[in-house]
Amino acid sequence: MFTIVKIIASAIIIGVITEISRRYPNYGGMIAALPIVSVISILWLYVQGERMEALSEFSLSVVWGIPATVVMLVIIWMALQHSLHLFASLGLGLAGWLVFLFAQNLLIKHLIN
């Protein structure tokens, strides 16, 4: 039952952001850039009784994902600016995200060892 409540609450938030974005793209983008998913996830994990160490580890993992997300969004923006189809733009962005995450992990492992 709790899972259904989480899904409905999260869907409502996404729906509201989408509606704002339809009417006011700039404001919608700024709202979507807020760490809404991260905060909601942390809250759900806390409500479910996760340890503070797990919440801390989750938070750090989100930080490690930020550079790759920025790369993905820049690639999508550039592809759309060059009139690529939406799905092609998303595919390129996701591919860039994966490549960047892979390269980032290799670099971190190389620097640690």
N, C-alpha and C. Protein backbone atom coordinates (compact mmCIF):
# COMPACT_ATOMS: atom_id res chain seq x y z
N MET A 1 0.83 -1.20 0.00
CA MET A 1 0.00 0.00 0.00
C MET A 1 0.87 1.26 0.00
N PHE A 2 1.96 1.24 0.80
CA PHE A 2 2.83 2.40 0.88
C PHE A 2 3.47 2.69 -0.48
N THR A 3 3.80 1.64 -1.22
CA THR A 3 4.40 1.82 -2.54
C THR A 3 3.44 2.55 -3.46
N ILE A 4 2.17 2.24 -3.39
CA ILE A 4 1.17 2.91 -4.23
C ILE A 4 1.07 4.39 -3.86
N VAL A 5 1.11 4.70 -2.57
CA VAL A 5 1.07 6.10 -2.11
C VAL A 5 2.29 6.85 -2.65
N LYS A 6 3.47 6.22 -2.59
CA LYS A 6 4.69 6.86 -3.11
C LYS A 6 4.57 7.13 -4.60
N ILE A 7 4.07 6.16 -5.34
CA ILE A 7 3.94 6.31 -6.79
C ILE A 7 2.96 7.43 -7.12
N ILE A 8 1.82 7.47 -6.45
CA ILE A 8 0.81 8.49 -6.73
C ILE A 8 1.34 9.88 -6.38
N ALA A 9 1.94 10.02 -5.21
CA ALA A 9 2.47 11.33 -4.78
C ALA A 9 3.56 11.80 -5.74
N SER A 10 4.45 10.90 -6.12
CA SER A 10 5.53 11.27 -7.04
C SER A 10 4.99 11.62 -8.41
N ALA A 11 4.00 10.89 -8.89
CA ALA A 11 3.39 11.17 -10.20
C ALA A 11 2.70 12.53 -10.20
N ILE A 12 2.05 12.87 -9.10
CA ILE A 12 1.39 14.18 -9.00
C ILE A 12 2.42 15.30 -9.12
N ILE A 13 3.54 15.14 -8.43
CA ILE A 13 4.59 16.17 -8.49
C ILE A 13 5.11 16.31 -9.92
N ILE A 14 5.38 15.19 -10.59
CA ILE A 14 5.86 15.23 -11.97
C ILE A 14 4.81 15.85 -12.88
N GLY A 15 3.54 15.50 -12.67
CA GLY A 15 2.46 16.08 -13.47
C GLY A 15 2.37 17.58 -13.31
N VAL A 16 2.49 18.07 -12.09
CA VAL A 16 2.43 19.52 -11.84
C VAL A 16 3.60 20.22 -12.54
N ILE A 17 4.80 19.65 -12.43
CA ILE A 17 5.97 20.26 -13.09
C ILE A 17 5.77 20.28 -14.60
N THR A 18 5.23 19.21 -15.16
CA THR A 18 4.99 19.15 -16.60
C THR A 18 3.98 20.21 -17.03
N GLU A 19 2.94 20.40 -16.26
CA GLU A 19 1.93 21.42 -16.61
C GLU A 19 2.53 22.82 -16.52
N ILE A 20 3.33 23.08 -15.51
CA ILE A 20 4.01 24.38 -15.41
C ILE A 20 4.91 24.58 -16.62
N SER A 21 5.63 23.52 -17.00
CA SER A 21 6.55 23.59 -18.14
C SER A 21 5.82 23.87 -19.45
N ARG A 22 4.62 23.33 -19.60
CA ARG A 22 3.84 23.59 -20.83
C ARG A 22 3.51 25.06 -20.95
N ARG A 23 3.16 25.68 -19.86
CA ARG A 23 2.73 27.07 -19.89
C ARG A 23 3.91 28.04 -19.81
N TYR A 24 4.90 27.69 -19.01
CA TYR A 24 6.06 28.56 -18.78
C TYR A 24 7.33 27.71 -18.86
N PRO A 25 7.85 27.47 -20.08
CA PRO A 25 9.00 26.57 -20.24
C PRO A 25 10.21 26.95 -19.38
N ASN A 26 10.50 28.25 -19.28
CA ASN A 26 11.67 28.65 -18.48
C ASN A 26 11.49 28.31 -17.01
N TYR A 27 10.33 28.62 -16.46
CA TYR A 27 10.08 28.31 -15.05
C TYR A 27 10.01 26.79 -14.82
N GLY A 28 9.39 26.09 -15.77
CA GLY A 28 9.32 24.64 -15.66
C GLY A 28 10.70 24.01 -15.64
N GLY A 29 11.58 24.52 -16.50
CA GLY A 29 12.95 24.01 -16.52
C GLY A 29 13.68 24.27 -15.23
N MET A 30 13.48 25.46 -14.68
CA MET A 30 14.14 25.78 -13.40
C MET A 30 13.60 24.89 -12.27
N ILE A 31 12.30 24.67 -12.27
CA ILE A 31 11.71 23.80 -11.24
C ILE A 31 12.19 22.37 -11.41
N ALA A 32 12.24 21.90 -12.68
CA ALA A 32 12.70 20.54 -12.94
C ALA A 32 14.16 20.35 -12.55
N ALA A 33 14.94 21.44 -12.60
CA ALA A 33 16.35 21.36 -12.23
C ALA A 33 16.54 21.27 -10.72
N LEU A 34 15.50 21.60 -9.97
CA LEU A 34 15.61 21.46 -8.52
C LEU A 34 15.81 19.99 -8.17
N PRO A 35 16.45 19.72 -7.09
CA PRO A 35 16.70 18.32 -6.72
C PRO A 35 15.46 17.64 -6.14
N ILE A 36 14.34 17.79 -6.83
CA ILE A 36 13.07 17.26 -6.33
C ILE A 36 13.10 15.75 -6.16
N VAL A 37 13.59 15.04 -7.18
CA VAL A 37 13.62 13.58 -7.11
C VAL A 37 14.54 13.13 -5.97
N SER A 38 15.67 13.79 -5.83
CA SER A 38 16.61 13.42 -4.76
C SER A 38 15.98 13.64 -3.38
N VAL A 39 15.36 14.79 -3.20
CA VAL A 39 14.74 15.09 -1.90
C VAL A 39 13.60 14.13 -1.60
N ILE A 40 12.75 13.88 -2.60
CA ILE A 40 11.64 12.94 -2.39
C ILE A 40 12.17 11.55 -2.06
N SER A 41 13.21 11.12 -2.77
CA SER A 41 13.80 9.81 -2.51
C SER A 41 14.35 9.71 -1.10
N ILE A 42 15.05 10.75 -0.68
CA ILE A 42 15.60 10.76 0.69
C ILE A 42 14.48 10.70 1.71
N LEU A 43 13.42 11.48 1.47
CA LEU A 43 12.28 11.46 2.39
C LEU A 43 11.62 10.09 2.45
N TRP A 44 11.39 9.46 1.28
CA TRP A 44 10.78 8.13 1.26
C TRP A 44 11.67 7.12 1.98
N LEU A 45 12.98 7.18 1.73
CA LEU A 45 13.90 6.26 2.40
C LEU A 45 13.86 6.46 3.92
N TYR A 46 13.82 7.72 4.35
CA TYR A 46 13.77 8.02 5.78
C TYR A 46 12.48 7.49 6.41
N VAL A 47 11.35 7.75 5.74
CA VAL A 47 10.05 7.29 6.25
C VAL A 47 10.03 5.76 6.35
N GLN A 48 10.71 5.09 5.42
CA GLN A 48 10.76 3.64 5.44
C GLN A 48 11.77 3.09 6.46
N GLY A 49 12.45 3.97 7.17
CA GLY A 49 13.32 3.53 8.25
C GLY A 49 14.76 3.23 7.87
N GLU A 50 15.23 3.75 6.73
CA GLU A 50 16.62 3.52 6.34
C GLU A 50 17.56 4.20 7.34
N ARG A 51 18.73 3.61 7.47
CA ARG A 51 19.76 4.17 8.36
C ARG A 51 20.29 5.48 7.80
N MET A 52 20.78 6.33 8.67
CA MET A 52 21.35 7.62 8.24
C MET A 52 22.56 7.39 7.34
N GLU A 53 23.31 6.33 7.59
CA GLU A 53 24.47 6.02 6.75
C GLU A 53 24.03 5.75 5.30
N ALA A 54 22.91 5.04 5.15
CA ALA A 54 22.39 4.75 3.81
C ALA A 54 21.93 6.04 3.13
N LEU A 55 21.30 6.93 3.88
CA LEU A 55 20.86 8.21 3.32
C LEU A 55 22.07 9.05 2.91
N SER A 56 23.09 9.01 3.73
CA SER A 56 24.32 9.75 3.41
C SER A 56 24.98 9.20 2.16
N GLU A 57 25.06 7.88 2.04
CA GLU A 57 25.65 7.24 0.86
C GLU A 57 24.84 7.57 -0.39
N PHE A 58 23.52 7.53 -0.27
CA PHE A 58 22.64 7.89 -1.38
C PHE A 58 22.91 9.32 -1.83
N SER A 59 23.01 10.25 -0.87
CA SER A 59 23.25 11.65 -1.19
C SER A 59 24.55 11.84 -1.95
N LEU A 60 25.61 11.16 -1.51
CA LEU A 60 26.90 11.27 -2.19
C LEU A 60 26.81 10.69 -3.60
N SER A 61 26.08 9.61 -3.77
CA SER A 61 25.92 9.01 -5.09
C SER A 61 25.20 9.96 -6.04
N VAL A 62 24.25 10.72 -5.53
CA VAL A 62 23.56 11.71 -6.35
C VAL A 62 24.56 12.78 -6.81
N VAL A 63 25.43 13.19 -5.92
CA VAL A 63 26.44 14.19 -6.27
C VAL A 63 27.33 13.68 -7.41
N TRP A 64 27.73 12.40 -7.34
CA TRP A 64 28.58 11.82 -8.39
C TRP A 64 27.85 11.77 -9.73
N GLY A 65 26.53 11.77 -9.72
CA GLY A 65 25.78 11.73 -10.97
C GLY A 65 25.55 13.09 -11.62
N ILE A 66 25.80 14.16 -10.89
CA ILE A 66 25.51 15.50 -11.41
C ILE A 66 26.32 15.85 -12.66
N PRO A 67 27.65 15.63 -12.69
CA PRO A 67 28.39 16.00 -13.91
C PRO A 67 27.87 15.27 -15.16
N ALA A 68 27.58 13.99 -15.04
CA ALA A 68 27.08 13.24 -16.20
C ALA A 68 25.71 13.75 -16.63
N THR A 69 24.90 14.14 -15.68
CA THR A 69 23.58 14.69 -16.01
C THR A 69 23.71 16.01 -16.75
N VAL A 70 24.65 16.83 -16.34
CA VAL A 70 24.89 18.09 -17.04
C VAL A 70 25.33 17.82 -18.48
N VAL A 71 26.24 16.87 -18.65
CA VAL A 71 26.69 16.50 -19.99
C VAL A 71 25.50 16.03 -20.84
N MET A 72 24.66 15.19 -20.26
CA MET A 72 23.49 14.68 -20.98
C MET A 72 22.58 15.82 -21.43
N LEU A 73 22.29 16.74 -20.54
CA LEU A 73 21.38 17.84 -20.86
C LEU A 73 21.98 18.77 -21.91
N VAL A 74 23.28 19.00 -21.86
CA VAL A 74 23.93 19.85 -22.87
C VAL A 74 23.87 19.17 -24.24
N ILE A 75 24.10 17.86 -24.28
CA ILE A 75 24.02 17.13 -25.54
C ILE A 75 22.60 17.20 -26.11
N ILE A 76 21.61 16.98 -25.26
CA ILE A 76 20.21 17.05 -25.72
C ILE A 76 19.89 18.44 -26.24
N TRP A 77 20.31 19.46 -25.52
CA TRP A 77 20.06 20.83 -25.93
C TRP A 77 20.69 21.11 -27.29
N MET A 78 21.97 20.70 -27.45
CA MET A 78 22.67 20.94 -28.71
C MET A 78 22.00 20.18 -29.86
N ALA A 79 21.61 18.94 -29.62
CA ALA A 79 20.97 18.13 -30.66
C ALA A 79 19.65 18.77 -31.09
N LEU A 80 18.86 19.21 -30.14
CA LEU A 80 17.59 19.85 -30.46
C LEU A 80 17.80 21.18 -31.19
N GLN A 81 18.86 21.90 -30.82
CA GLN A 81 19.19 23.16 -31.50
C GLN A 81 19.52 22.91 -32.97
N HIS A 82 20.06 21.72 -33.25
CA HIS A 82 20.42 21.36 -34.62
C HIS A 82 19.30 20.56 -35.30
N SER A 83 18.09 20.67 -34.78
CA SER A 83 16.87 20.09 -35.35
C SER A 83 16.88 18.57 -35.45
N LEU A 84 17.61 17.90 -34.56
CA LEU A 84 17.53 16.45 -34.51
C LEU A 84 16.18 16.06 -33.90
N HIS A 85 15.69 14.92 -34.30
CA HIS A 85 14.43 14.41 -33.76
C HIS A 85 14.57 14.24 -32.24
N LEU A 86 13.48 14.42 -31.54
CA LEU A 86 13.50 14.33 -30.08
C LEU A 86 14.11 13.03 -29.59
N PHE A 87 13.67 11.90 -30.16
CA PHE A 87 14.16 10.61 -29.66
C PHE A 87 15.63 10.40 -29.99
N ALA A 88 16.08 10.92 -31.12
CA ALA A 88 17.51 10.86 -31.44
C ALA A 88 18.30 11.72 -30.46
N SER A 89 17.77 12.89 -30.13
CA SER A 89 18.43 13.78 -29.17
C SER A 89 18.52 13.13 -27.79
N LEU A 90 17.42 12.51 -27.37
CA LEU A 90 17.43 11.83 -26.08
C LEU A 90 18.40 10.66 -26.09
N GLY A 91 18.44 9.91 -27.18
CA GLY A 91 19.36 8.79 -27.30
C GLY A 91 20.81 9.23 -27.22
N LEU A 92 21.13 10.30 -27.94
CA LEU A 92 22.49 10.83 -27.89
C LEU A 92 22.83 11.32 -26.48
N GLY A 93 21.88 11.99 -25.86
CA GLY A 93 22.11 12.48 -24.50
C GLY A 93 22.35 11.35 -23.52
N LEU A 94 21.53 10.31 -23.61
CA LEU A 94 21.70 9.16 -22.71
C LEU A 94 23.01 8.43 -22.99
N ALA A 95 23.39 8.33 -24.26
CA ALA A 95 24.67 7.71 -24.61
C ALA A 95 25.83 8.53 -24.03
N GLY A 96 25.74 9.85 -24.16
CA GLY A 96 26.76 10.73 -23.58
C GLY A 96 26.82 10.59 -22.07
N TRP A 97 25.66 10.44 -21.46
CA TRP A 97 25.59 10.26 -20.01
C TRP A 97 26.32 8.98 -19.60
N LEU A 98 26.04 7.88 -20.31
CA LEU A 98 26.67 6.60 -19.99
C LEU A 98 28.19 6.65 -20.20
N VAL A 99 28.61 7.23 -21.33
CA VAL A 99 30.05 7.34 -21.61
C VAL A 99 30.73 8.18 -20.54
N PHE A 100 30.11 9.30 -20.17
CA PHE A 100 30.70 10.17 -19.16
C PHE A 100 30.80 9.46 -17.81
N LEU A 101 29.72 8.76 -17.42
CA LEU A 101 29.76 8.03 -16.14
C LEU A 101 30.86 6.98 -16.15
N PHE A 102 30.99 6.25 -17.25
CA PHE A 102 32.02 5.22 -17.38
C PHE A 102 33.41 5.86 -17.27
N ALA A 103 33.62 6.95 -18.01
CA ALA A 103 34.92 7.64 -17.97
C ALA A 103 35.20 8.20 -16.58
N GLN A 104 34.18 8.75 -15.95
CA GLN A 104 34.33 9.31 -14.61
C GLN A 104 34.73 8.21 -13.62
N ASN A 105 34.09 7.07 -13.69
CA ASN A 105 34.42 5.96 -12.79
C ASN A 105 35.84 5.46 -13.04
N LEU A 106 36.25 5.36 -14.31
CA LEU A 106 37.62 4.94 -14.61
C LEU A 106 38.63 5.94 -14.05
N LEU A 107 38.35 7.21 -14.22
CA LEU A 107 39.24 8.25 -13.71
C LEU A 107 39.35 8.20 -12.19
N ILE A 108 38.24 8.03 -11.53
CA ILE A 108 38.24 7.97 -10.06
C ILE A 108 39.04 6.74 -9.59
N LYS A 109 38.81 5.60 -10.22
CA LYS A 109 39.55 4.39 -9.83
C LYS A 109 41.04 4.57 -10.09
N HIS A 110 41.39 5.24 -11.19
CA HIS A 110 42.80 5.47 -11.51
C HIS A 110 43.44 6.41 -10.49
N LEU A 111 42.71 7.43 -10.08
CA LEU A 111 43.26 8.39 -9.11
C LEU A 111 43.38 7.77 -7.71
N ILE A 112 42.47 6.87 -7.38
CA ILE A 112 42.50 6.24 -6.05
C ILE A 112 43.64 5.25 -5.95
N ASN A 113 43.91 4.50 -7.01
CA ASN A 113 44.95 3.46 -6.97
C ASN A 113 46.30 4.01 -7.29
